[in-house]
Structure formats: C-alpha cells, structure tokens
Amino acid sequence: MAADDRELIARTAAALRDTCDRLLNGDAARRPYLRALSCAGGLASLAELLAGCGGDGSSPFLWEELTEVRLTRCRFEALDESVRLVPHVCLLDLSQNRLVATDGLEYLAGLQHLNLAHNQLSGLPQLCMPAYLALRWLSLSSNKLESLDGLQEMVVLEHLDVSFNFLLSHALLGPLLELGRLRTLHLRGNPLCCYSDHRLRTARALHPLCQTDQFWLDGWRLERSELPPRQRAPATRPALPSAGPSPGPVRTALSSAARPGSLDTRPPPIGSGGSTPGSRRRRTKRRSRVNLADISDLGSTRPAAVLTTSGSLSDQTSSLDGRELPSHLATREQIEGLRQQLGA
C-alpha cells in the first residue's frame, strides 16, 4: 500500500472520529434513552465510547435503555470495565476486531445474541450463569478455536457458527450432545470437514432431539440417510408384574376340576376312606357339632343308658327292667332319672 493511501485512510478515520464526538457532545439528555448503538471503526477501546461518551468529558453513567451494541472494525484487542455500564444489552456485535480475550462479558446477564466473528480468540467466551441460560445465537467464525470446551453450558443455544477455525476431529464435538435446542450449525472451513463421512459423524455427535431432517448443517438440511438409526420402541408395553399371587394356576385348577375326565387319578391317602378332601372337610364340620352325653345312675341297678344326639331319636331303643320300651319312653325315663340325680 502506498504512503499516500495510508495517509488518506488515517485522515478519514480521524475525521469520522471527530464527527462521532461532535454528534455525542452536548447531547447528554438523549443518551439515557438510546436503545441501539452502532459504530464501525474509529475506536481504540470500548471505554472510549461507553465511559468517555465519545470524548466529551462527561462522567460515566449507566446506559439503562441500551439493548443493542454493534462495534465492528475497531482496533481494540480486549474488553474493559466499561462493559458494566451496559448491563441490559441483549445483542452484542464485536466482529472484525482484534480481540484475544473476552473478559468482561460476565457482566451481561441478559445476553441473547453474541457475534465475535473475525477475531483472534482461542477459546469460548466466559459468561455468567443467567447468560448461559439466555444465549441463543453465537458466532465464533474465523478465530483460532482448537476445542469447544464450555459450550455444554449454553443449553438453550439455537444457532452456532464455528466455521473456519482449527477443529481437527469430530471427537471435539462432544459438547454438542448437551445442546438439545440447536437447529443450525456451521463447521465448514475446519480440518474435520476433510473426512468423507463428515456429515454422518457430525450427526452422530448431535443431541437426539437434533437428529432430524429439520437440522441445518453448513447451510444444508440433514438427509434421512445421514441420520443415525434409532432404536424403535416396542409396539406394546410389557405387562408389569403384579404384587400378589397370580390367579392363573387357580383358574387352571378350577377349570380342570370342572372338566369331565380330569379327576385326580392318584390314590387317596391311607385312612381317608377314598373320600375327597372336600367331603372330608364337610364331615369334620359335622363332627365338631356332635355332643355326647353319658347319663348313668350310679345308685341304680339299672343299666346305664347312653343318650346320643348325633342320630335321630326314632332309631334309638333302650332296655329298662328287662323290657324293651319304645325310644321316646326310654328317653323320658332317662330324663326323669337325670332330674332326680341332680335334685331338680
């Protein structure tokens, strides 16, 4: 470049800076209400604009309404403490500068759009936790990135541009697995793009929610043939095991007992008399209600009479005085003898 051209450029930059100073000088009444600020070139540092207010000599103040700041093609290499004066900025464009560090961005809690393209950064910017949860658009194109460490904290990121950096292999894309809302990714210009199956490897590194044909990689949608196969869920959900005993064997036993010809052919146990368990239980219940009363007159020479209530009275006979009486008369004699014995 000729010396005359350099001198012309320097004079033009100085003239633009003077113009900017004159526009801001004496306009302090309007500055608190500014919502967007843009400057392309002519600044040596961030504090020159935010703290010095364009060099008009006024004291620093808080830019309460400022939400968009675009400072491109300037000469500053780092940020400074003047970032604290714009705490409500949501869009910050610092592209095409000479930044080698981004200290100071942690003061911007509401940052949603950050453009740091065409700088000399070797790592991702450090933000505060609210900014990690708010940032949706990030461009780090044309820097010196060799890894993506810290990207996993930006869980709501939707657009990411890390093209034209020094990413060597797809193993460095591990942090992408945490970005479930990512919809656009730019990787072109990195050494990893030289692989023939670059798109397939990149698709495998994405979050499962991003592995769809609606995802944009390097300006092209992912095709179905580039998506990794998914494990299909079973059509029917398997039955959960029940806490109680299964009723299956009970129903089987009952149904087999109800079917003809399905009787148990095993021999009955000894002493059962060939009766089934059900009949044995019923007979046991009848026996439990049997009351046996032995009525005997110790002072009488008459033979003892036994009163059994298990049978019917019509089947019982008794012998008194050698004579055979009807059963009801024998019962009456026994009752009278019992009354006399008990003193009734």
Protein backbone atom coordinates (compact mmCIF):
# COMPACT_ATOMS: atom_id res chain seq x y z
CA MET A 1 0.00 0.00 0.00
CA ALA A 2 1.37 3.40 -0.93
CA ALA A 3 2.17 6.02 1.66
CA ASP A 4 -0.38 8.39 0.20
CA ASP A 5 -3.13 5.79 0.63
CA ARG A 6 -2.18 5.17 4.27
CA GLU A 7 -2.26 8.89 4.97
CA LEU A 8 -5.68 9.18 3.36
CA ILE A 9 -7.05 6.34 5.44
CA ALA A 10 -5.68 7.84 8.65
CA ARG A 11 -7.21 11.24 7.87
CA THR A 12 -10.57 9.64 7.04
CA ALA A 13 -10.60 7.73 10.34
CA ALA A 14 -9.74 10.87 12.28
CA ALA A 15 -12.49 12.78 10.54
CA LEU A 16 -15.03 10.10 11.34
CA ARG A 17 -13.99 10.07 14.98
CA ASP A 18 -14.34 13.82 15.23
CA THR A 19 -17.77 13.58 13.67
CA CYS A 20 -18.80 10.98 16.20
CA ASP A 21 -17.52 13.15 19.04
CA ARG A 22 -19.45 16.15 17.80
CA LEU A 23 -22.66 14.13 17.50
CA LEU A 24 -22.43 12.89 21.08
CA ASN A 25 -21.05 16.09 22.58
CA GLY A 26 -23.67 18.15 24.41
CA ASP A 27 -26.39 15.53 23.79
CA ALA A 28 -26.38 14.05 27.29
CA ALA A 29 -30.15 14.50 27.63
CA ARG A 30 -30.83 11.94 24.91
CA ARG A 31 -28.18 9.34 25.67
CA PRO A 32 -30.07 7.67 28.59
CA TYR A 33 -32.90 6.84 26.15
CA LEU A 34 -30.80 5.23 23.44
CA ARG A 35 -31.75 1.64 22.70
CA ALA A 36 -29.27 0.82 19.93
CA LEU A 37 -25.73 1.98 19.34
CA SER A 38 -23.62 1.18 16.27
CA CYS A 39 -20.10 2.17 15.43
CA ALA A 40 -17.95 0.87 12.56
CA GLY A 41 -14.32 1.82 13.09
CA GLY A 42 -12.64 4.76 14.73
CA LEU A 43 -12.47 3.39 18.30
CA ALA A 44 -9.30 2.37 20.11
CA SER A 45 -11.08 0.96 23.19
CA LEU A 46 -14.55 0.22 24.46
CA ALA A 47 -14.25 2.69 27.31
CA GLU A 48 -13.69 5.50 24.81
CA LEU A 49 -17.35 5.24 23.83
CA LEU A 50 -19.18 3.79 26.84
CA ALA A 51 -17.33 5.56 29.65
CA GLY A 52 -15.94 8.62 27.89
CA CYS A 53 -19.16 9.15 25.93
CA GLY A 54 -17.28 9.92 22.74
CA GLY A 55 -14.66 12.13 24.42
CA ASP A 56 -17.00 14.93 25.50
CA GLY A 57 -15.63 14.88 29.04
CA SER A 58 -18.86 13.95 30.84
CA SER A 59 -18.78 11.49 33.73
CA PRO A 60 -19.66 7.82 33.15
CA PHE A 61 -23.29 6.89 33.59
CA LEU A 62 -25.44 3.78 33.21
CA TRP A 63 -26.95 3.14 29.80
CA GLU A 64 -30.23 1.80 31.15
CA GLU A 65 -32.20 1.55 27.90
CA LEU A 66 -29.38 0.35 25.65
CA THR A 67 -30.07 -3.22 24.45
CA GLU A 68 -28.14 -3.41 21.13
CA VAL A 69 -24.46 -2.57 20.69
CA ARG A 70 -22.57 -3.03 17.40
CA LEU A 71 -18.91 -2.09 17.47
CA THR A 72 -17.20 -3.52 14.39
CA ARG A 73 -13.93 -2.87 12.58
CA CYS A 74 -12.37 -1.20 15.59
CA ARG A 75 -8.84 -1.58 16.91
CA PHE A 76 -9.32 -2.76 20.49
CA GLU A 77 -7.89 -6.15 21.49
CA ALA A 78 -9.73 -6.70 24.77
CA LEU A 79 -12.77 -5.54 26.68
CA ASP A 80 -12.61 -3.42 29.81
CA GLU A 81 -14.63 -2.49 32.88
CA SER A 82 -16.84 -0.16 30.87
CA VAL A 83 -18.96 -3.21 29.96
CA ARG A 84 -20.61 -2.74 33.35
CA LEU A 85 -22.25 0.43 32.03
CA VAL A 86 -24.45 -1.56 29.60
CA PRO A 87 -25.92 -4.33 31.81
CA HIS A 88 -29.13 -4.69 29.78
CA VAL A 89 -27.56 -5.43 26.41
CA CYS A 90 -29.19 -8.40 24.65
CA LEU A 91 -27.38 -8.09 21.28
CA LEU A 92 -23.63 -7.53 21.17
CA ASP A 93 -21.67 -7.47 17.90
CA LEU A 94 -17.89 -7.21 18.30
CA SER A 95 -16.96 -8.81 15.00
CA GLN A 96 -13.98 -7.81 12.83
CA ASN A 97 -11.85 -6.56 15.69
CA ARG A 98 -8.58 -7.76 17.22
CA LEU A 99 -9.93 -9.41 20.35
CA VAL A 100 -7.74 -12.03 22.01
CA ALA A 101 -9.79 -12.20 25.26
CA THR A 102 -13.38 -11.58 26.28
CA ASP A 103 -13.04 -10.73 29.97
CA GLY A 104 -15.96 -8.55 30.99
CA LEU A 105 -18.78 -10.39 29.23
CA GLU A 106 -19.77 -11.95 32.56
CA TYR A 107 -21.41 -8.62 33.44
CA LEU A 108 -24.01 -9.05 30.68
CA ALA A 109 -26.63 -11.29 32.29
CA GLY A 110 -29.28 -10.91 29.59
CA LEU A 111 -27.11 -11.60 26.55
CA GLN A 112 -29.01 -13.48 23.83
CA HIS A 113 -27.11 -12.67 20.60
CA LEU A 114 -23.29 -12.59 20.54
CA ASN A 115 -21.16 -12.09 17.44
CA LEU A 116 -17.39 -12.49 17.93
CA ALA A 117 -16.51 -13.48 14.37
CA HIS A 118 -13.24 -12.45 12.71
CA ASN A 119 -11.18 -12.02 15.86
CA GLN A 120 -8.19 -13.85 17.33
CA LEU A 121 -9.90 -15.86 20.10
CA SER A 122 -8.52 -19.26 21.08
CA GLY A 123 -11.38 -20.25 23.40
CA LEU A 124 -15.08 -19.78 24.01
CA PRO A 125 -16.18 -16.69 25.97
CA GLN A 126 -16.83 -16.97 29.69
CA LEU A 127 -20.33 -15.84 30.66
CA CYS A 128 -22.36 -15.70 33.85
CA MET A 129 -24.93 -18.35 34.60
CA PRO A 130 -28.00 -16.23 33.58
CA ALA A 131 -26.31 -15.52 30.24
CA TYR A 132 -25.60 -19.24 29.72
CA LEU A 133 -29.34 -19.83 30.11
CA ALA A 134 -30.31 -16.95 27.80
CA LEU A 135 -27.83 -17.09 24.89
CA ARG A 136 -29.48 -18.39 21.70
CA TRP A 137 -27.20 -17.11 18.90
CA LEU A 138 -23.40 -17.37 18.89
CA SER A 139 -20.86 -16.79 16.11
CA LEU A 140 -17.15 -17.51 16.57
CA SER A 141 -16.31 -17.83 12.91
CA SER A 142 -12.78 -17.10 11.70
CA ASN A 143 -11.00 -17.36 15.03
CA LYS A 144 -8.35 -19.71 16.42
CA LEU A 145 -10.52 -22.24 18.25
CA GLU A 146 -9.00 -25.66 18.84
CA SER A 147 -11.74 -27.02 21.13
CA LEU A 148 -15.33 -26.33 22.19
CA ASP A 149 -14.86 -26.59 25.96
CA GLY A 150 -17.54 -24.62 27.76
CA LEU A 151 -20.12 -24.96 25.00
CA GLN A 152 -22.06 -27.54 27.03
CA GLU A 153 -23.13 -24.75 29.42
CA MET A 154 -25.09 -22.94 26.69
CA VAL A 155 -28.02 -25.33 26.87
CA VAL A 156 -30.56 -23.12 25.04
CA LEU A 157 -28.33 -22.30 22.07
CA GLU A 158 -30.14 -22.48 18.71
CA HIS A 159 -27.54 -21.13 16.25
CA LEU A 160 -23.80 -21.86 16.38
CA ASP A 161 -21.17 -20.79 13.86
CA VAL A 162 -17.63 -22.06 14.48
CA SER A 163 -16.58 -22.21 10.85
CA PHE A 164 -13.01 -21.50 9.73
CA ASN A 165 -11.29 -22.49 12.96
CA PHE A 166 -8.79 -25.20 13.91
CA LEU A 167 -11.11 -28.08 14.91
CA LEU A 168 -9.22 -31.21 13.88
CA SER A 169 -11.52 -34.15 14.64
CA HIS A 170 -15.15 -34.94 15.38
CA ALA A 171 -14.21 -36.04 18.89
CA LEU A 172 -14.05 -32.33 19.74
CA LEU A 173 -17.81 -32.07 19.07
CA GLY A 174 -18.70 -33.83 22.32
CA PRO A 175 -20.25 -30.70 23.95
CA LEU A 176 -22.88 -30.66 21.18
CA LEU A 177 -24.55 -33.60 22.89
CA GLU A 178 -25.85 -31.22 25.59
CA LEU A 179 -27.47 -28.78 23.17
CA GLY A 180 -30.97 -30.12 22.69
CA ARG A 181 -32.35 -26.92 21.10
CA LEU A 182 -29.65 -26.45 18.45
CA ARG A 183 -31.10 -26.04 14.96
CA THR A 184 -28.24 -24.54 12.91
CA LEU A 185 -24.54 -25.49 12.94
CA HIS A 186 -21.69 -24.24 10.74
CA LEU A 187 -18.43 -26.21 10.68
CA ARG A 188 -17.12 -25.56 7.21
CA GLY A 189 -13.51 -24.43 6.91
CA ASN A 190 -12.31 -26.69 9.75
CA PRO A 191 -9.89 -29.58 9.18
CA LEU A 192 -12.54 -32.09 10.30
CA CYS A 193 -14.57 -31.29 7.18
CA CYS A 194 -11.97 -33.15 5.11
CA TYR A 195 -13.42 -36.51 6.18
CA SER A 196 -15.57 -38.12 3.52
CA ASP A 197 -18.24 -39.02 6.12
CA HIS A 198 -18.08 -35.64 7.84
CA ARG A 199 -21.83 -35.12 7.89
CA LEU A 200 -22.50 -38.63 9.22
CA ARG A 201 -20.02 -38.18 12.06
CA THR A 202 -21.40 -34.78 12.91
CA ALA A 203 -24.97 -36.11 13.01
CA ARG A 204 -23.90 -38.80 15.50
CA ALA A 205 -22.41 -36.11 17.77
CA LEU A 206 -25.69 -34.17 17.98
CA HIS A 207 -28.30 -34.37 20.71
CA PRO A 208 -31.03 -36.95 19.91
CA LEU A 209 -33.59 -34.15 19.58
CA CYS A 210 -31.45 -32.56 16.86
CA GLN A 211 -31.08 -35.70 14.78
CA THR A 212 -33.90 -34.83 12.39
CA ASP A 213 -34.22 -33.71 8.80
CA GLN A 214 -35.05 -30.22 10.09
CA PHE A 215 -31.49 -29.63 11.27
CA TRP A 216 -29.23 -27.40 9.17
CA LEU A 217 -25.55 -28.28 8.87
CA ASP A 218 -23.31 -25.94 6.87
CA GLY A 219 -26.30 -24.46 5.10
CA TRP A 220 -27.87 -27.81 4.10
CA ARG A 221 -30.51 -29.87 5.83
CA LEU A 222 -29.57 -33.28 7.12
CA GLU A 223 -30.90 -36.03 4.88
CA ARG A 224 -32.54 -39.13 6.27
CA SER A 225 -29.66 -41.25 5.01
CA GLU A 226 -27.28 -39.15 7.12
CA LEU A 227 -29.20 -39.64 10.37
CA PRO A 228 -28.07 -42.40 12.74
CA PRO A 229 -30.53 -45.31 13.13
CA ARG A 230 -32.82 -45.10 16.10
CA GLN A 231 -33.94 -47.94 18.30
CA ARG A 232 -37.65 -48.31 17.80
CA ALA A 233 -39.72 -48.81 20.92
CA PRO A 234 -41.89 -51.97 21.17
CA ALA A 235 -45.42 -51.62 19.87
CA THR A 236 -46.97 -52.85 23.10
CA ARG A 237 -45.77 -52.11 26.55
CA PRO A 238 -44.84 -55.24 28.51
CA ALA A 239 -47.17 -56.14 31.35
CA LEU A 240 -45.96 -55.17 34.77
CA PRO A 241 -45.61 -58.00 37.31
CA SER A 242 -48.38 -57.98 39.89
CA ALA A 243 -47.60 -57.74 43.59
CA GLY A 244 -49.99 -60.55 44.63
CA PRO A 245 -50.07 -64.20 43.57
CA SER A 246 -51.01 -64.85 40.00
CA PRO A 247 -54.58 -66.11 39.59
CA GLY A 248 -53.59 -68.21 36.59
CA PRO A 249 -52.87 -71.52 38.38
CA VAL A 250 -56.03 -71.19 40.48
CA ARG A 251 -58.22 -70.77 37.44
CA THR A 252 -56.45 -73.66 35.76
CA ALA A 253 -57.03 -75.92 38.70
CA LEU A 254 -60.68 -74.99 38.94
CA SER A 255 -61.27 -75.39 35.23
CA SER A 256 -59.51 -78.76 35.19
CA ALA A 257 -61.61 -79.91 38.10
CA ALA A 258 -64.77 -78.81 36.34
CA ARG A 259 -63.97 -80.66 33.14
CA PRO A 260 -65.13 -84.26 32.93
CA GLY A 261 -62.41 -86.86 32.90
CA SER A 262 -59.93 -84.50 34.60
CA LEU A 263 -60.24 -86.09 38.07
CA ASP A 264 -57.11 -86.80 40.03
CA THR A 265 -56.11 -90.42 39.48
CA ARG A 266 -53.74 -90.55 42.39
CA PRO A 267 -54.73 -92.98 45.14
CA PRO A 268 -56.26 -91.39 48.23
CA PRO A 269 -54.10 -91.23 51.35
CA ILE A 270 -54.28 -94.01 53.92
CA GLY A 271 -57.20 -93.60 56.33
CA SER A 272 -59.10 -91.28 54.06
CA GLY A 273 -61.58 -93.99 53.07
CA GLY A 274 -61.48 -92.93 49.47
CA SER A 275 -63.17 -89.63 50.22
CA THR A 276 -62.26 -86.42 48.60
CA PRO A 277 -60.75 -83.54 50.58
CA GLY A 278 -63.96 -81.57 50.23
CA SER A 279 -66.13 -84.31 51.72
CA ARG A 280 -63.59 -84.84 54.50
CA ARG A 281 -63.83 -81.18 55.45
CA ARG A 282 -67.63 -81.26 55.48
CA ARG A 283 -67.68 -84.37 57.65
CA THR A 284 -65.25 -82.81 60.09
CA LYS A 285 -67.51 -79.82 60.48
CA ARG A 286 -70.49 -82.07 61.32
CA ARG A 287 -68.47 -83.92 63.92
CA SER A 288 -67.48 -80.71 65.59
CA ARG A 289 -71.17 -80.07 66.39
CA VAL A 290 -71.81 -83.52 67.90
CA ASN A 291 -72.43 -83.53 71.65
CA LEU A 292 -72.15 -86.82 73.50
CA ALA A 293 -73.78 -87.12 76.89
CA ASP A 294 -73.31 -90.24 79.03
CA ILE A 295 -76.04 -90.48 81.60
CA SER A 296 -75.50 -93.12 84.22
CA ASP A 297 -77.19 -93.63 87.57
CA LEU A 298 -74.51 -94.82 89.97
CA GLY A 299 -77.05 -95.68 92.73
CA SER A 300 -79.36 -97.59 90.49
CA THR A 301 -79.15 -101.17 89.44
CA ARG A 302 -80.48 -100.32 86.09
CA PRO A 303 -78.06 -100.49 83.20
CA ALA A 304 -76.63 -97.16 82.09
CA ALA A 305 -78.33 -95.50 79.19
CA VAL A 306 -76.45 -93.52 76.66
CA LEU A 307 -78.03 -90.52 75.05
CA THR A 308 -76.63 -89.77 71.65
CA THR A 309 -77.83 -86.68 69.85
CA SER A 310 -75.97 -87.35 66.67
CA GLY A 311 -78.57 -89.78 65.40
CA SER A 312 -82.35 -89.46 65.29
CA LEU A 313 -84.36 -90.38 68.36
CA SER A 314 -86.54 -92.73 66.36
CA ASP A 315 -83.56 -95.07 65.75
CA GLN A 316 -82.57 -95.45 69.41
CA THR A 317 -84.03 -98.06 71.81
CA SER A 318 -83.36 -98.70 75.44
CA SER A 319 -83.96 -101.66 77.78
CA LEU A 320 -85.46 -100.99 81.23
CA ASP A 321 -86.29 -103.75 83.72
CA GLY A 322 -85.71 -106.35 81.09
CA ARG A 323 -88.36 -104.90 78.92
CA GLU A 324 -87.81 -103.22 75.64
CA LEU A 325 -89.56 -99.83 75.55
CA PRO A 326 -90.13 -97.50 72.64
CA SER A 327 -87.44 -94.97 72.10
CA HIS A 328 -89.46 -91.97 73.32
CA LEU A 329 -90.36 -93.72 76.57
CA ALA A 330 -86.76 -94.70 77.13
CA THR A 331 -85.70 -91.10 76.62
CA ARG A 332 -88.30 -89.91 79.09
CA GLU A 333 -87.12 -92.36 81.72
CA GLN A 334 -83.56 -91.17 81.23
CA ILE A 335 -84.55 -87.51 81.61
CA GLU A 336 -86.50 -88.22 84.83
CA GLY A 337 -83.57 -90.15 86.26
CA LEU A 338 -81.25 -87.27 85.46
CA ARG A 339 -83.57 -84.78 87.21
CA GLN A 340 -83.68 -86.95 90.37
CA GLN A 341 -79.93 -87.33 90.37
CA LEU A 342 -79.38 -83.57 90.06
CA GLY A 343 -82.06 -82.78 92.68
CA ALA A 344 -84.33 -80.96 90.38
